[in-house]
Amino acid sequence: MKFNGQTRQLNRNISLLQYLQENKFDISKIAVELNGNIVPRTTYAEVLLQEEDVLEVVSFVGGG
């Protein structure tokens, strides 16, 4: 799988939500694109990641 431009090995079936939690993302402060499509936050638990997926995660940062 490609994650933010880097190749990552998926060793097991895992949902998008599990992957994000295991990698310490704050779900309320990110946007996720999977294979070119924005993934609604409400579906993270239903989406199963595959080896051929391209995943981009963008964190929101406050400031001014």
N, C-alpha and C. Protein backbone atom coordinates (compact mmCIF):
# COMPACT_ATOMS: atom_id res chain seq x y z
N MET A 1 0.85 -1.16 0.00
CA MET A 1 0.00 0.00 0.00
C MET A 1 0.90 1.23 0.00
N LYS A 2 0.45 2.27 -0.66
CA LYS A 2 1.14 3.56 -0.59
C LYS A 2 0.43 4.42 0.43
N PHE A 3 1.18 4.91 1.41
CA PHE A 3 0.63 5.77 2.45
C PHE A 3 1.41 7.07 2.45
N ASN A 4 0.75 8.16 2.09
CA ASN A 4 1.37 9.48 1.99
C ASN A 4 2.69 9.41 1.21
N GLY A 5 2.64 8.68 0.08
CA GLY A 5 3.79 8.60 -0.82
C GLY A 5 4.82 7.54 -0.50
N GLN A 6 4.68 6.84 0.62
CA GLN A 6 5.64 5.80 0.99
C GLN A 6 4.97 4.43 0.95
N THR A 7 5.73 3.42 0.52
CA THR A 7 5.21 2.07 0.48
C THR A 7 5.18 1.48 1.88
N ARG A 8 4.05 0.92 2.24
CA ARG A 8 3.87 0.26 3.54
C ARG A 8 3.31 -1.14 3.30
N GLN A 9 3.76 -2.09 4.07
CA GLN A 9 3.28 -3.47 4.00
C GLN A 9 2.06 -3.65 4.89
N LEU A 10 1.02 -4.24 4.36
CA LEU A 10 -0.14 -4.62 5.17
C LEU A 10 0.02 -6.09 5.49
N ASN A 11 0.16 -6.43 6.75
CA ASN A 11 0.39 -7.81 7.14
C ASN A 11 -0.89 -8.57 7.45
N ARG A 12 -2.02 -7.86 7.44
CA ARG A 12 -3.29 -8.49 7.78
C ARG A 12 -4.42 -7.64 7.24
N ASN A 13 -5.61 -8.22 7.27
CA ASN A 13 -6.80 -7.44 6.91
C ASN A 13 -7.03 -6.42 8.00
N ILE A 14 -7.21 -5.19 7.60
CA ILE A 14 -7.39 -4.12 8.58
C ILE A 14 -8.31 -3.06 8.00
N SER A 15 -9.16 -2.52 8.85
CA SER A 15 -10.04 -1.45 8.40
C SER A 15 -9.27 -0.13 8.40
N LEU A 16 -9.78 0.81 7.67
CA LEU A 16 -9.18 2.14 7.65
C LEU A 16 -9.16 2.73 9.06
N LEU A 17 -10.23 2.58 9.80
CA LEU A 17 -10.30 3.10 11.16
C LEU A 17 -9.21 2.49 12.04
N GLN A 18 -9.04 1.17 11.99
CA GLN A 18 -8.01 0.51 12.79
C GLN A 18 -6.62 1.03 12.41
N TYR A 19 -6.37 1.16 11.12
CA TYR A 19 -5.08 1.63 10.63
C TYR A 19 -4.78 3.03 11.16
N LEU A 20 -5.76 3.91 11.09
CA LEU A 20 -5.58 5.28 11.56
C LEU A 20 -5.35 5.31 13.06
N GLN A 21 -6.11 4.52 13.81
CA GLN A 21 -5.95 4.49 15.26
C GLN A 21 -4.58 3.92 15.66
N GLU A 22 -4.14 2.86 15.00
CA GLU A 22 -2.85 2.27 15.30
C GLU A 22 -1.70 3.22 14.99
N ASN A 23 -1.93 4.13 14.06
CA ASN A 23 -0.90 5.11 13.70
C ASN A 23 -1.10 6.45 14.39
N LYS A 24 -1.93 6.44 15.44
CA LYS A 24 -2.12 7.58 16.36
C LYS A 24 -2.66 8.85 15.71
N PHE A 25 -3.54 8.69 14.72
CA PHE A 25 -4.18 9.86 14.13
C PHE A 25 -5.39 10.26 14.95
N ASP A 26 -5.59 11.56 15.11
CA ASP A 26 -6.79 12.09 15.75
C ASP A 26 -7.85 12.18 14.65
N ILE A 27 -8.79 11.27 14.68
CA ILE A 27 -9.80 11.13 13.62
C ILE A 27 -10.55 12.44 13.36
N SER A 28 -10.73 13.24 14.40
CA SER A 28 -11.49 14.48 14.24
C SER A 28 -10.69 15.58 13.54
N LYS A 29 -9.38 15.37 13.34
CA LYS A 29 -8.55 16.42 12.77
C LYS A 29 -7.85 16.01 11.48
N ILE A 30 -8.44 15.05 10.76
CA ILE A 30 -7.82 14.61 9.51
C ILE A 30 -8.86 14.49 8.40
N ALA A 31 -8.35 14.48 7.17
CA ALA A 31 -9.15 14.13 5.99
C ALA A 31 -8.42 12.98 5.32
N VAL A 32 -9.18 12.04 4.79
CA VAL A 32 -8.59 10.84 4.20
C VAL A 32 -9.03 10.70 2.75
N GLU A 33 -8.03 10.46 1.88
CA GLU A 33 -8.30 10.17 0.47
C GLU A 33 -7.78 8.76 0.19
N LEU A 34 -8.63 7.93 -0.36
CA LEU A 34 -8.27 6.56 -0.69
C LEU A 34 -8.50 6.35 -2.18
N ASN A 35 -7.43 6.05 -2.89
CA ASN A 35 -7.48 5.81 -4.34
C ASN A 35 -8.16 6.97 -5.08
N GLY A 36 -7.84 8.19 -4.64
CA GLY A 36 -8.34 9.38 -5.33
C GLY A 36 -9.69 9.87 -4.88
N ASN A 37 -10.32 9.20 -3.91
CA ASN A 37 -11.64 9.60 -3.43
C ASN A 37 -11.60 9.94 -1.95
N ILE A 38 -12.27 11.02 -1.58
CA ILE A 38 -12.39 11.39 -0.17
C ILE A 38 -13.27 10.35 0.52
N VAL A 39 -12.80 9.88 1.69
CA VAL A 39 -13.56 8.87 2.44
C VAL A 39 -14.33 9.57 3.55
N PRO A 40 -15.66 9.44 3.59
CA PRO A 40 -16.44 10.04 4.68
C PRO A 40 -16.04 9.40 6.01
N ARG A 41 -15.88 10.22 7.02
CA ARG A 41 -15.47 9.76 8.35
C ARG A 41 -16.39 8.65 8.88
N THR A 42 -17.66 8.74 8.54
CA THR A 42 -18.63 7.76 9.05
C THR A 42 -18.42 6.36 8.47
N THR A 43 -17.59 6.22 7.44
CA THR A 43 -17.38 4.91 6.82
C THR A 43 -16.00 4.31 7.11
N TYR A 44 -15.17 4.98 7.89
CA TYR A 44 -13.81 4.49 8.16
C TYR A 44 -13.79 3.05 8.65
N ALA A 45 -14.72 2.67 9.51
CA ALA A 45 -14.73 1.31 10.07
C ALA A 45 -15.13 0.26 9.04
N GLU A 46 -15.83 0.67 8.00
CA GLU A 46 -16.33 -0.25 6.98
C GLU A 46 -15.34 -0.48 5.84
N VAL A 47 -14.39 0.44 5.68
CA VAL A 47 -13.45 0.37 4.56
C VAL A 47 -12.28 -0.55 4.92
N LEU A 48 -12.10 -1.62 4.14
CA LEU A 48 -10.97 -2.52 4.35
C LEU A 48 -9.85 -2.14 3.40
N LEU A 49 -8.66 -2.01 3.94
CA LEU A 49 -7.50 -1.62 3.13
C LEU A 49 -6.95 -2.83 2.37
N GLN A 50 -6.44 -2.56 1.17
CA GLN A 50 -5.87 -3.58 0.30
C GLN A 50 -4.43 -3.19 -0.05
N GLU A 51 -3.61 -4.18 -0.41
CA GLU A 51 -2.20 -3.93 -0.75
C GLU A 51 -2.03 -2.90 -1.87
N GLU A 52 -2.96 -2.88 -2.82
CA GLU A 52 -2.81 -1.99 -3.98
C GLU A 52 -3.37 -0.58 -3.73
N ASP A 53 -3.87 -0.30 -2.55
CA ASP A 53 -4.46 1.01 -2.24
C ASP A 53 -3.43 2.12 -2.16
N VAL A 54 -3.90 3.33 -2.48
CA VAL A 54 -3.12 4.55 -2.30
C VAL A 54 -3.89 5.40 -1.29
N LEU A 55 -3.27 5.61 -0.13
CA LEU A 55 -3.92 6.29 0.99
C LEU A 55 -3.18 7.59 1.28
N GLU A 56 -3.92 8.67 1.35
CA GLU A 56 -3.37 9.98 1.72
C GLU A 56 -4.14 10.50 2.92
N VAL A 57 -3.41 10.90 3.95
CA VAL A 57 -4.03 11.45 5.14
C VAL A 57 -3.49 12.86 5.34
N VAL A 58 -4.39 13.82 5.48
CA VAL A 58 -4.02 15.22 5.67
C VAL A 58 -4.53 15.67 7.03
N SER A 59 -3.63 16.22 7.84
CA SER A 59 -4.01 16.74 9.15
C SER A 59 -4.33 18.23 9.05
N PHE A 60 -5.36 18.64 9.77
CA PHE A 60 -5.73 20.05 9.83
C PHE A 60 -4.90 20.71 10.93
N VAL A 61 -4.34 21.86 10.60
CA VAL A 61 -3.50 22.58 11.56
C VAL A 61 -4.07 23.99 11.69
N GLY A 62 -4.30 24.40 12.92
CA GLY A 62 -4.79 25.76 13.16
C GLY A 62 -3.64 26.75 13.13
N GLY A 63 -3.97 27.98 12.99
CA GLY A 63 -2.93 29.00 12.99
C GLY A 63 -3.40 30.23 12.26
N GLY A 64 -2.50 31.15 12.15
CA GLY A 64 -2.89 32.36 11.46
C GLY A 64 -1.73 33.26 11.20
